[in-house]
Amino acid sequence: MIIKVAADRTFGPLVTFGLGGARLAPLTDTDADQLVRDVGPGGDVGPGGAYLRDLLLRVSRLADDLPEVTNLDLSPVTAWPDGAIVMAARIKVAPYEPQDPFLRKLR
């Protein structure tokens, strides 16, 4: 599995999971459940699904609480009946600059 966070200047952090499921942070329990269900055949990801859900919620909270995180890439993520393991992680941080998405600018 792959879990990513990308900062969008208009909408804020976007959390992606698997091959293309995406939601805006912060994720709700329902969002995380749907992302996990969408990745498994017939909605079943096996006994590690609860750990993937928990990891998605934690990553979402991190992205929402720390706007300095502009990109996060956890890949691969492996789920087991007794936990989930992140094999590799990359994170990019940058100074936070608040933006008003409704503010029009003349150039």
PDB file of N, CA and C in Angstrom:
ATOM      1  N   MET A   1       0.827  -1.182   0.000  1.00  0.00           N
ATOM      2  CA  MET A   1       0.000   0.000   0.000  1.00  0.00           C
ATOM      3  C   MET A   1       0.872   1.247   0.000  1.00  0.00           C
ATOM      4  N   ILE A   2       0.280   2.328  -0.430  1.00  0.00           N
ATOM      5  CA  ILE A   2       0.938   3.628  -0.449  1.00  0.00           C
ATOM      6  C   ILE A   2       0.012   4.623   0.254  1.00  0.00           C
ATOM      7  N   ILE A   3       0.583   5.435   1.132  1.00  0.00           N
ATOM      8  CA  ILE A   3      -0.147   6.528   1.764  1.00  0.00           C
ATOM      9  C   ILE A   3       0.633   7.801   1.475  1.00  0.00           C
ATOM     10  N   LYS A   4      -0.062   8.810   0.946  1.00  0.00           N
ATOM     11  CA  LYS A   4       0.596  10.075   0.614  1.00  0.00           C
ATOM     12  C   LYS A   4      -0.224  11.252   1.132  1.00  0.00           C
ATOM     13  N   VAL A   5       0.488  12.344   1.379  1.00  0.00           N
ATOM     14  CA  VAL A   5      -0.138  13.624   1.687  1.00  0.00           C
ATOM     15  C   VAL A   5       0.474  14.647   0.748  1.00  0.00           C
ATOM     16  N   ALA A   6      -0.366  15.451   0.132  1.00  0.00           N
ATOM     17  CA  ALA A   6       0.102  16.540  -0.722  1.00  0.00           C
ATOM     18  C   ALA A   6      -0.653  17.799  -0.321  1.00  0.00           C
ATOM     19  N   ALA A   7       0.086  18.887  -0.188  1.00  0.00           N
ATOM     20  CA  ALA A   7      -0.533  20.164   0.177  1.00  0.00           C
ATOM     21  C   ALA A   7      -1.119  20.814  -1.065  1.00  0.00           C
ATOM     22  N   ASP A   8      -2.362  21.189  -0.986  1.00  0.00           N
ATOM     23  CA  ASP A   8      -3.036  21.914  -2.064  1.00  0.00           C
ATOM     24  C   ASP A   8      -3.256  23.339  -1.580  1.00  0.00           C
ATOM     25  N   ARG A   9      -2.849  24.312  -2.371  1.00  0.00           N
ATOM     26  CA  ARG A   9      -2.927  25.716  -1.940  1.00  0.00           C
ATOM     27  C   ARG A   9      -4.361  26.176  -1.702  1.00  0.00           C
ATOM     28  N   THR A  10      -5.310  25.577  -2.376  1.00  0.00           N
ATOM     29  CA  THR A  10      -6.697  25.993  -2.229  1.00  0.00           C
ATOM     30  C   THR A  10      -7.438  25.201  -1.163  1.00  0.00           C
ATOM     31  N   PHE A  11      -7.273  23.879  -1.164  1.00  0.00           N
ATOM     32  CA  PHE A  11      -8.082  23.031  -0.300  1.00  0.00           C
ATOM     33  C   PHE A  11      -7.379  22.556   0.961  1.00  0.00           C
ATOM     34  N   GLY A  12      -6.062  22.671   1.029  1.00  0.00           N
ATOM     35  CA  GLY A  12      -5.323  22.164   2.180  1.00  0.00           C
ATOM     36  C   GLY A  12      -4.767  20.783   1.888  1.00  0.00           C
ATOM     37  N   PRO A  13      -4.426  20.023   2.941  1.00  0.00           N
ATOM     38  CA  PRO A  13      -3.802  18.725   2.728  1.00  0.00           C
ATOM     39  C   PRO A  13      -4.764  17.689   2.146  1.00  0.00           C
ATOM     40  N   LEU A  14      -4.261  16.948   1.180  1.00  0.00           N
ATOM     41  CA  LEU A  14      -5.010  15.882   0.529  1.00  0.00           C
ATOM     42  C   LEU A  14      -4.326  14.568   0.857  1.00  0.00           C
ATOM     43  N   VAL A  15      -5.072  13.625   1.433  1.00  0.00           N
ATOM     44  CA  VAL A  15      -4.534  12.310   1.790  1.00  0.00           C
ATOM     45  C   VAL A  15      -4.957  11.316   0.721  1.00  0.00           C
ATOM     46  N   THR A  16      -3.974  10.602   0.137  1.00  0.00           N
ATOM     47  CA  THR A  16      -4.277   9.573  -0.852  1.00  0.00           C
ATOM     48  C   THR A  16      -3.848   8.212  -0.305  1.00  0.00           C
ATOM     49  N   PHE A  17      -4.569   7.189  -0.736  1.00  0.00           N
ATOM     50  CA  PHE A  17      -4.323   5.837  -0.248  1.00  0.00           C
ATOM     51  C   PHE A  17      -4.496   4.860  -1.390  1.00  0.00           C
ATOM     52  N   GLY A  18      -3.577   3.936  -1.500  1.00  0.00           N
ATOM     53  CA  GLY A  18      -3.690   2.902  -2.519  1.00  0.00           C
ATOM     54  C   GLY A  18      -3.461   3.451  -3.909  1.00  0.00           C
ATOM     55  N   LEU A  19      -4.312   3.037  -4.839  1.00  0.00           N
ATOM     56  CA  LEU A  19      -4.127   3.407  -6.237  1.00  0.00           C
ATOM     57  C   LEU A  19      -4.902   4.642  -6.659  1.00  0.00           C
ATOM     58  N   GLY A  20      -5.375   5.422  -5.730  1.00  0.00           N
ATOM     59  CA  GLY A  20      -6.033   6.636  -6.152  1.00  0.00           C
ATOM     60  C   GLY A  20      -7.145   7.133  -5.262  1.00  0.00           C
ATOM     61  N   GLY A  21      -7.474   6.427  -4.197  1.00  0.00           N
ATOM     62  CA  GLY A  21      -8.473   6.948  -3.279  1.00  0.00           C
ATOM     63  C   GLY A  21      -7.910   8.174  -2.587  1.00  0.00           C
ATOM     64  N   ALA A  22      -8.677   9.251  -2.522  1.00  0.00           N
ATOM     65  CA  ALA A  22      -8.181  10.490  -1.917  1.00  0.00           C
ATOM     66  C   ALA A  22      -9.302  11.202  -1.185  1.00  0.00           C
ATOM     67  N   ARG A  23      -8.917  11.867  -0.091  1.00  0.00           N
ATOM     68  CA  ARG A  23      -9.848  12.674   0.694  1.00  0.00           C
ATOM     69  C   ARG A  23      -9.083  13.865   1.271  1.00  0.00           C
ATOM     70  N   LEU A  24      -9.810  14.929   1.553  1.00  0.00           N
ATOM     71  CA  LEU A  24      -9.217  16.085   2.200  1.00  0.00           C
ATOM     72  C   LEU A  24      -9.052  15.812   3.690  1.00  0.00           C
ATOM     73  N   ALA A  25      -7.955  16.293   4.253  1.00  0.00           N
ATOM     74  CA  ALA A  25      -7.723  16.166   5.689  1.00  0.00           C
ATOM     75  C   ALA A  25      -8.499  17.270   6.401  1.00  0.00           C
ATOM     76  N   PRO A  26      -8.967  17.019   7.592  1.00  0.00           N
ATOM     77  CA  PRO A  26      -8.802  15.797   8.366  1.00  0.00           C
ATOM     78  C   PRO A  26      -9.832  14.741   7.959  1.00  0.00           C
ATOM     79  N   LEU A  27      -9.387  13.500   7.922  1.00  0.00           N
ATOM     80  CA  LEU A  27     -10.279  12.397   7.597  1.00  0.00           C
ATOM     81  C   LEU A  27     -11.216  12.121   8.768  1.00  0.00           C
ATOM     82  N   THR A  28     -12.421  11.718   8.438  1.00  0.00           N
ATOM     83  CA  THR A  28     -13.338  11.214   9.457  1.00  0.00           C
ATOM     84  C   THR A  28     -13.164   9.702   9.518  1.00  0.00           C
ATOM     85  N   ASP A  29     -13.751   9.074  10.518  1.00  0.00           N
ATOM     86  CA  ASP A  29     -13.731   7.612  10.600  1.00  0.00           C
ATOM     87  C   ASP A  29     -14.341   6.999   9.341  1.00  0.00           C
ATOM     88  N   THR A  30     -15.416   7.599   8.862  1.00  0.00           N
ATOM     89  CA  THR A  30     -16.095   7.103   7.658  1.00  0.00           C
ATOM     90  C   THR A  30     -15.197   7.224   6.435  1.00  0.00           C
ATOM     91  N   ASP A  31     -14.480   8.350   6.308  1.00  0.00           N
ATOM     92  CA  ASP A  31     -13.547   8.535   5.192  1.00  0.00           C
ATOM     93  C   ASP A  31     -12.487   7.440   5.203  1.00  0.00           C
ATOM     94  N   ALA A  32     -11.874   7.222   6.360  1.00  0.00           N
ATOM     95  CA  ALA A  32     -10.807   6.219   6.469  1.00  0.00           C
ATOM     96  C   ALA A  32     -11.346   4.827   6.152  1.00  0.00           C
ATOM     97  N   ASP A  33     -12.521   4.497   6.680  1.00  0.00           N
ATOM     98  CA  ASP A  33     -13.123   3.192   6.398  1.00  0.00           C
ATOM     99  C   ASP A  33     -13.353   3.002   4.901  1.00  0.00           C
ATOM    100  N   GLN A  34     -13.865   4.041   4.243  1.00  0.00           N
ATOM    101  CA  GLN A  34     -14.148   3.955   2.806  1.00  0.00           C
ATOM    102  C   GLN A  34     -12.864   3.794   1.994  1.00  0.00           C
ATOM    103  N   LEU A  35     -11.814   4.542   2.342  1.00  0.00           N
ATOM    104  CA  LEU A  35     -10.539   4.410   1.631  1.00  0.00           C
ATOM    105  C   LEU A  35      -9.993   2.994   1.752  1.00  0.00           C
ATOM    106  N   VAL A  36     -10.044   2.432   2.951  1.00  0.00           N
ATOM    107  CA  VAL A  36      -9.539   1.071   3.163  1.00  0.00           C
ATOM    108  C   VAL A  36     -10.403   0.064   2.409  1.00  0.00           C
ATOM    109  N   ARG A  37     -11.716   0.227   2.480  1.00  0.00           N
ATOM    110  CA  ARG A  37     -12.628  -0.702   1.788  1.00  0.00           C
ATOM    111  C   ARG A  37     -12.430  -0.657   0.272  1.00  0.00           C
ATOM    112  N   ASP A  38     -12.205   0.536  -0.271  1.00  0.00           N
ATOM    113  CA  ASP A  38     -12.058   0.692  -1.720  1.00  0.00           C
ATOM    114  C   ASP A  38     -10.818   0.009  -2.277  1.00  0.00           C
ATOM    115  N   VAL A  39      -9.818  -0.222  -1.453  1.00  0.00           N
ATOM    116  CA  VAL A  39      -8.561  -0.790  -1.939  1.00  0.00           C
ATOM    117  C   VAL A  39      -8.586  -2.326  -1.992  1.00  0.00           C
ATOM    118  N   GLY A  40      -9.410  -2.956  -1.174  1.00  0.00           N
ATOM    119  CA  GLY A  40      -9.448  -4.420  -1.128  1.00  0.00           C
ATOM    120  C   GLY A  40     -10.454  -4.999  -2.093  1.00  0.00           C
ATOM    121  N   PRO A  41     -10.176  -6.203  -2.618  1.00  0.00           N
ATOM    122  CA  PRO A  41     -11.147  -6.834  -3.510  1.00  0.00           C
ATOM    123  C   PRO A  41     -12.427  -7.149  -2.742  1.00  0.00           C
ATOM    124  N   GLY A  42     -13.532  -6.646  -3.226  1.00  0.00           N
ATOM    125  CA  GLY A  42     -14.806  -6.865  -2.545  1.00  0.00           C
ATOM    126  C   GLY A  42     -14.892  -6.130  -1.223  1.00  0.00           C
ATOM    127  N   GLY A  43     -14.005  -5.159  -1.006  1.00  0.00           N
ATOM    128  CA  GLY A  43     -14.030  -4.393   0.225  1.00  0.00           C
ATOM    129  C   GLY A  43     -13.327  -5.047   1.395  1.00  0.00           C
ATOM    130  N   ASP A  44     -12.626  -6.174   1.159  1.00  0.00           N
ATOM    131  CA  ASP A  44     -11.964  -6.886   2.246  1.00  0.00           C
ATOM    132  C   ASP A  44     -10.450  -6.750   2.115  1.00  0.00           C
ATOM    133  N   VAL A  45      -9.824  -6.114   3.099  1.00  0.00           N
ATOM    134  CA  VAL A  45      -8.370  -5.980   3.093  1.00  0.00           C
ATOM    135  C   VAL A  45      -7.724  -6.912   4.104  1.00  0.00           C
ATOM    136  N   GLY A  46      -8.506  -7.772   4.691  1.00  0.00           N
ATOM    137  CA  GLY A  46      -7.962  -8.739   5.629  1.00  0.00           C
ATOM    138  C   GLY A  46      -7.872  -8.187   7.044  1.00  0.00           C
ATOM    139  N   PRO A  47      -7.226  -8.959   7.903  1.00  0.00           N
ATOM    140  CA  PRO A  47      -7.184  -8.589   9.321  1.00  0.00           C
ATOM    141  C   PRO A  47      -6.357  -7.341   9.620  1.00  0.00           C
ATOM    142  N   GLY A  48      -5.528  -6.888   8.692  1.00  0.00           N
ATOM    143  CA  GLY A  48      -4.729  -5.689   8.919  1.00  0.00           C
ATOM    144  C   GLY A  48      -5.452  -4.397   8.581  1.00  0.00           C
ATOM    145  N   GLY A  49      -6.691  -4.485   8.123  1.00  0.00           N
ATOM    146  CA  GLY A  49      -7.445  -3.308   7.713  1.00  0.00           C
ATOM    147  C   GLY A  49      -7.623  -2.283   8.822  1.00  0.00           C
ATOM    148  N   ALA A  50      -7.822  -2.739  10.040  1.00  0.00           N
ATOM    149  CA  ALA A  50      -7.999  -1.819  11.170  1.00  0.00           C
ATOM    150  C   ALA A  50      -6.729  -1.006  11.406  1.00  0.00           C
ATOM    151  N   TYR A  51      -5.568  -1.615  11.185  1.00  0.00           N
ATOM    152  CA  TYR A  51      -4.302  -0.901  11.370  1.00  0.00           C
ATOM    153  C   TYR A  51      -4.068   0.110  10.247  1.00  0.00           C
ATOM    154  N   LEU A  52      -4.484  -0.229   9.034  1.00  0.00           N
ATOM    155  CA  LEU A  52      -4.385   0.730   7.928  1.00  0.00           C
ATOM    156  C   LEU A  52      -5.294   1.931   8.189  1.00  0.00           C
ATOM    157  N   ARG A  53      -6.475   1.663   8.674  1.00  0.00           N
ATOM    158  CA  ARG A  53      -7.431   2.723   9.016  1.00  0.00           C
ATOM    159  C   ARG A  53      -6.827   3.652  10.071  1.00  0.00           C
ATOM    160  N   ASP A  54      -6.256   3.066  11.105  1.00  0.00           N
ATOM    161  CA  ASP A  54      -5.645   3.851  12.175  1.00  0.00           C
ATOM    162  C   ASP A  54      -4.490   4.702  11.638  1.00  0.00           C
ATOM    163  N   LEU A  55      -3.669   4.114  10.776  1.00  0.00           N
ATOM    164  CA  LEU A  55      -2.546   4.842  10.197  1.00  0.00           C
ATOM    165  C   LEU A  55      -3.036   6.008   9.333  1.00  0.00           C
ATOM    166  N   LEU A  56      -4.081   5.785   8.547  1.00  0.00           N
ATOM    167  CA  LEU A  56      -4.656   6.865   7.740  1.00  0.00           C
ATOM    168  C   LEU A  56      -5.149   8.016   8.613  1.00  0.00           C
ATOM    169  N   LEU A  57      -5.824   7.692   9.704  1.00  0.00           N
ATOM    170  CA  LEU A  57      -6.323   8.728  10.607  1.00  0.00           C
ATOM    171  C   LEU A  57      -5.175   9.497  11.253  1.00  0.00           C
ATOM    172  N   ARG A  58      -4.106   8.807  11.612  1.00  0.00           N
ATOM    173  CA  ARG A  58      -2.953   9.473  12.225  1.00  0.00           C
ATOM    174  C   ARG A  58      -2.222  10.377  11.230  1.00  0.00           C
ATOM    175  N   VAL A  59      -2.040   9.882  10.016  1.00  0.00           N
ATOM    176  CA  VAL A  59      -1.382  10.687   8.979  1.00  0.00           C
ATOM    177  C   VAL A  59      -2.232  11.916   8.654  1.00  0.00           C
ATOM    178  N   SER A  60      -3.535  11.735   8.583  1.00  0.00           N
ATOM    179  CA  SER A  60      -4.443  12.843   8.322  1.00  0.00           C
ATOM    180  C   SER A  60      -4.338  13.902   9.412  1.00  0.00           C
ATOM    181  N   ARG A  61      -4.300  13.474  10.647  1.00  0.00           N
ATOM    182  CA  ARG A  61      -4.193  14.410  11.779  1.00  0.00           C
ATOM    183  C   ARG A  61      -2.863  15.165  11.729  1.00  0.00           C
ATOM    184  N   LEU A  62      -1.785  14.442  11.407  1.00  0.00           N
ATOM    185  CA  LEU A  62      -0.472  15.075  11.291  1.00  0.00           C
ATOM    186  C   LEU A  62      -0.507  16.166  10.219  1.00  0.00           C
ATOM    187  N   ALA A  63      -1.079  15.845   9.062  1.00  0.00           N
ATOM    188  CA  ALA A  63      -1.138  16.805   7.955  1.00  0.00           C
ATOM    189  C   ALA A  63      -2.001  18.011   8.311  1.00  0.00           C
ATOM    190  N   ASP A  64      -3.070  17.795   9.043  1.00  0.00           N
ATOM    191  CA  ASP A  64      -3.953  18.889   9.418  1.00  0.00           C
ATOM    192  C   ASP A  64      -3.340  19.763  10.511  1.00  0.00           C
ATOM    193  N   ASP A  65      -2.651  19.148  11.455  1.00  0.00           N
ATOM    194  CA  ASP A  65      -2.052  19.884  12.572  1.00  0.00           C
ATOM    195  C   ASP A  65      -0.766  20.608  12.195  1.00  0.00           C
ATOM    196  N   LEU A  66      -0.040  20.078  11.213  1.00  0.00           N
ATOM    197  CA  LEU A  66       1.255  20.653  10.829  1.00  0.00           C
ATOM    198  C   LEU A  66       1.228  21.077   9.359  1.00  0.00           C
ATOM    199  N   PRO A  67       0.753  22.280   9.063  1.00  0.00           N
ATOM    200  CA  PRO A  67       0.677  22.711   7.666  1.00  0.00           C
ATOM    201  C   PRO A  67       2.048  22.853   7.013  1.00  0.00           C
ATOM    202  N   GLU A  68       3.118  22.813   7.802  1.00  0.00           N
ATOM    203  CA  GLU A  68       4.465  22.852   7.237  1.00  0.00           C
ATOM    204  C   GLU A  68       4.800  21.588   6.448  1.00  0.00           C
ATOM    205  N   VAL A  69       4.069  20.502   6.695  1.00  0.00           N
ATOM    206  CA  VAL A  69       4.267  19.264   5.945  1.00  0.00           C
ATOM    207  C   VAL A  69       3.599  19.439   4.591  1.00  0.00           C
ATOM    208  N   THR A  70       4.424  19.619   3.555  1.00  0.00           N
ATOM    209  CA  THR A  70       3.873  19.846   2.218  1.00  0.00           C
ATOM    210  C   THR A  70       3.751  18.554   1.411  1.00  0.00           C
ATOM    211  N   ASN A  71       4.567  17.564   1.722  1.00  0.00           N
ATOM    212  CA  ASN A  71       4.480  16.250   1.075  1.00  0.00           C
ATOM    213  C   ASN A  71       4.910  15.183   2.060  1.00  0.00           C
ATOM    214  N   LEU A  72       4.204  14.072   2.024  1.00  0.00           N
ATOM    215  CA  LEU A  72       4.525  12.916   2.854  1.00  0.00           C
ATOM    216  C   LEU A  72       4.260  11.684   2.010  1.00  0.00           C
ATOM    217  N   ASP A  73       5.206  10.772   1.989  1.00  0.00           N
ATOM    218  CA  ASP A  73       5.082   9.559   1.180  1.00  0.00           C
ATOM    219  C   ASP A  73       5.497   8.368   2.033  1.00  0.00           C
ATOM    220  N   LEU A  74       4.539   7.511   2.348  1.00  0.00           N
ATOM    221  CA  LEU A  74       4.806   6.273   3.074  1.00  0.00           C
ATOM    222  C   LEU A  74       4.616   5.126   2.089  1.00  0.00           C
ATOM    223  N   SER A  75       5.709   4.492   1.708  1.00  0.00           N
ATOM    224  CA  SER A  75       5.619   3.460   0.683  1.00  0.00           C
ATOM    225  C   SER A  75       6.836   2.548   0.734  1.00  0.00           C
ATOM    226  N   PRO A  76       6.631   1.282   0.815  1.00  0.00           N
ATOM    227  CA  PRO A  76       5.362   0.591   0.966  1.00  0.00           C
ATOM    228  C   PRO A  76       4.933   0.500   2.431  1.00  0.00           C
ATOM    229  N   VAL A  77       3.629   0.344   2.604  1.00  0.00           N
ATOM    230  CA  VAL A  77       3.040   0.095   3.915  1.00  0.00           C
ATOM    231  C   VAL A  77       2.462  -1.307   3.863  1.00  0.00           C
ATOM    232  N   THR A  78       2.835  -2.129   4.829  1.00  0.00           N
ATOM    233  CA  THR A  78       2.360  -3.508   4.881  1.00  0.00           C
ATOM    234  C   THR A  78       1.519  -3.702   6.134  1.00  0.00           C
ATOM    235  N   ALA A  79       0.346  -4.298   5.985  1.00  0.00           N
ATOM    236  CA  ALA A  79      -0.538  -4.548   7.123  1.00  0.00           C
ATOM    237  C   ALA A  79      -0.540  -6.033   7.462  1.00  0.00           C
ATOM    238  N   TRP A  80      -0.481  -6.309   8.748  1.00  0.00           N
ATOM    239  CA  TRP A  80      -0.488  -7.667   9.277  1.00  0.00           C
ATOM    240  C   TRP A  80      -1.610  -7.780  10.306  1.00  0.00           C
ATOM    241  N   PRO A  81      -1.949  -8.982  10.719  1.00  0.00           N
ATOM    242  CA  PRO A  81      -2.997  -9.125  11.747  1.00  0.00           C
ATOM    243  C   PRO A  81      -2.644  -8.438  13.072  1.00  0.00           C
ATOM    244  N   ASP A  82      -1.348  -8.222  13.325  1.00  0.00           N
ATOM    245  CA  ASP A  82      -0.957  -7.616  14.595  1.00  0.00           C
ATOM    246  C   ASP A  82      -0.359  -6.215  14.446  1.00  0.00           C
ATOM    247  N   GLY A  83      -0.523  -5.573  13.280  1.00  0.00           N
ATOM    248  CA  GLY A  83      -0.022  -4.216  13.110  1.00  0.00           C
ATOM    249  C   GLY A  83       0.243  -3.868  11.665  1.00  0.00           C
ATOM    250  N   ALA A  84       0.750  -2.671  11.467  1.00  0.00           N
ATOM    251  CA  ALA A  84       1.129  -2.194  10.136  1.00  0.00           C
ATOM    252  C   ALA A  84       2.556  -1.679  10.211  1.00  0.00           C
ATOM    253  N   ILE A  85       3.300  -1.887   9.141  1.00  0.00           N
ATOM    254  CA  ILE A  85       4.699  -1.473   9.099  1.00  0.00           C
ATOM    255  C   ILE A  85       4.899  -0.554   7.899  1.00  0.00           C
ATOM    256  N   VAL A  86       5.539   0.589   8.154  1.00  0.00           N
ATOM    257  CA  VAL A  86       5.926   1.501   7.086  1.00  0.00           C
ATOM    258  C   VAL A  86       7.373   1.173   6.751  1.00  0.00           C
ATOM    259  N   MET A  87       7.608   0.690   5.551  1.00  0.00           N
ATOM    260  CA  MET A  87       8.951   0.277   5.139  1.00  0.00           C
ATOM    261  C   MET A  87       9.852   1.467   4.790  1.00  0.00           C
ATOM    262  N   ALA A  88       9.279   2.510   4.209  1.00  0.00           N
ATOM    263  CA  ALA A  88      10.061   3.693   3.848  1.00  0.00           C
ATOM    264  C   ALA A  88       9.163   4.915   3.957  1.00  0.00           C
ATOM    265  N   ALA A  89       9.768   6.029   4.360  1.00  0.00           N
ATOM    266  CA  ALA A  89       9.009   7.271   4.499  1.00  0.00           C
ATOM    267  C   ALA A  89       9.836   8.445   3.987  1.00  0.00           C
ATOM    268  N   ARG A  90       9.165   9.344   3.302  1.00  0.00           N
ATOM    269  CA  ARG A  90       9.793  10.601   2.856  1.00  0.00           C
ATOM    270  C   ARG A  90       8.861  11.727   3.258  1.00  0.00           C
ATOM    271  N   ILE A  91       9.451  12.791   3.756  1.00  0.00           N
ATOM    272  CA  ILE A  91       8.638  13.927   4.179  1.00  0.00           C
ATOM    273  C   ILE A  91       9.319  15.218   3.730  1.00  0.00           C
ATOM    274  N   LYS A  92       8.497  16.159   3.279  1.00  0.00           N
ATOM    275  CA  LYS A  92       9.024  17.464   2.875  1.00  0.00           C
ATOM    276  C   LYS A  92       8.308  18.522   3.712  1.00  0.00           C
ATOM    277  N   VAL A  93       9.094  19.386   4.322  1.00  0.00           N
ATOM    278  CA  VAL A  93       8.520  20.477   5.100  1.00  0.00           C
ATOM    279  C   VAL A  93       8.974  21.806   4.502  1.00  0.00           C
ATOM    280  N   ALA A  94       8.126  22.799   4.637  1.00  0.00           N
ATOM    281  CA  ALA A  94       8.423  24.137   4.129  1.00  0.00           C
ATOM    282  C   ALA A  94       7.760  25.145   5.059  1.00  0.00           C
ATOM    283  N   PRO A  95       8.260  26.367   5.079  1.00  0.00           N
ATOM    284  CA  PRO A  95       7.619  27.382   5.912  1.00  0.00           C
ATOM    285  C   PRO A  95       6.148  27.537   5.539  1.00  0.00           C
ATOM    286  N   TYR A  96       5.321  27.664   6.541  1.00  0.00           N
ATOM    287  CA  TYR A  96       3.886  27.808   6.326  1.00  0.00           C
ATOM    288  C   TYR A  96       3.546  29.252   5.993  1.00  0.00           C
ATOM    289  N   GLU A  97       2.845  29.447   4.902  1.00  0.00           N
ATOM    290  CA  GLU A  97       2.384  30.756   4.487  1.00  0.00           C
ATOM    291  C   GLU A  97       0.875  30.705   4.333  1.00  0.00           C
ATOM    292  N   PRO A  98       0.132  31.260   5.299  1.00  0.00           N
ATOM    293  CA  PRO A  98      -1.333  31.202   5.202  1.00  0.00           C
ATOM    294  C   PRO A  98      -1.820  31.864   3.910  1.00  0.00           C
ATOM    295  N   GLN A  99      -2.746  31.224   3.276  1.00  0.00           N
ATOM    296  CA  GLN A  99      -3.315  31.739   2.032  1.00  0.00           C
ATOM    297  C   GLN A  99      -4.821  31.870   2.187  1.00  0.00           C
ATOM    298  N   ASP A 100      -5.374  32.920   1.661  1.00  0.00           N
ATOM    299  CA  ASP A 100      -6.809  33.076   1.603  1.00  0.00           C
ATOM    300  C   ASP A 100      -7.239  32.655   0.198  1.00  0.00           C
ATOM    301  N   PRO A 101      -7.867  31.481   0.050  1.00  0.00           N
ATOM    302  CA  PRO A 101      -8.210  30.992  -1.296  1.00  0.00           C
ATOM    303  C   PRO A 101      -9.240  31.875  -1.995  1.00  0.00           C
ATOM    304  N   PHE A 102      -9.927  32.746  -1.255  1.00  0.00           N
ATOM    305  CA  PHE A 102     -10.952  33.591  -1.861  1.00  0.00           C
ATOM    306  C   PHE A 102     -10.428  34.989  -2.199  1.00  0.00           C
ATOM    307  N   LEU A 103      -9.168  35.258  -1.881  1.00  0.00           N
ATOM    308  CA  LEU A 103      -8.556  36.546  -2.154  1.00  0.00           C
ATOM    309  C   LEU A 103      -8.087  36.589  -3.603  1.00  0.00           C
ATOM    310  N   ARG A 104      -8.574  37.546  -4.361  1.00  0.00           N
ATOM    311  CA  ARG A 104      -8.145  37.689  -5.759  1.00  0.00           C
ATOM    312  C   ARG A 104      -6.955  38.609  -5.827  1.00  0.00           C
ATOM    313  N   LYS A 105      -6.024  38.274  -6.677  1.00  0.00           N
ATOM    314  CA  LYS A 105      -4.826  39.073  -6.826  1.00  0.00           C
ATOM    315  C   LYS A 105      -4.692  39.512  -8.287  1.00  0.00           C
ATOM    316  N   LEU A 106      -4.351  40.769  -8.474  1.00  0.00           N
ATOM    317  CA  LEU A 106      -4.061  41.265  -9.810  1.00  0.00           C
ATOM    318  C   LEU A 106      -2.571  41.124 -10.057  1.00  0.00           C
ATOM    319  N   ARG A 107      -2.217  40.712 -11.240  1.00  0.00           N
ATOM    320  CA  ARG A 107      -0.784  40.554 -11.565  1.00  0.00           C
ATOM    321  C   ARG A 107      -0.388  41.516 -12.626  1.00  0.00           C
TER     322      ARG A 107
END
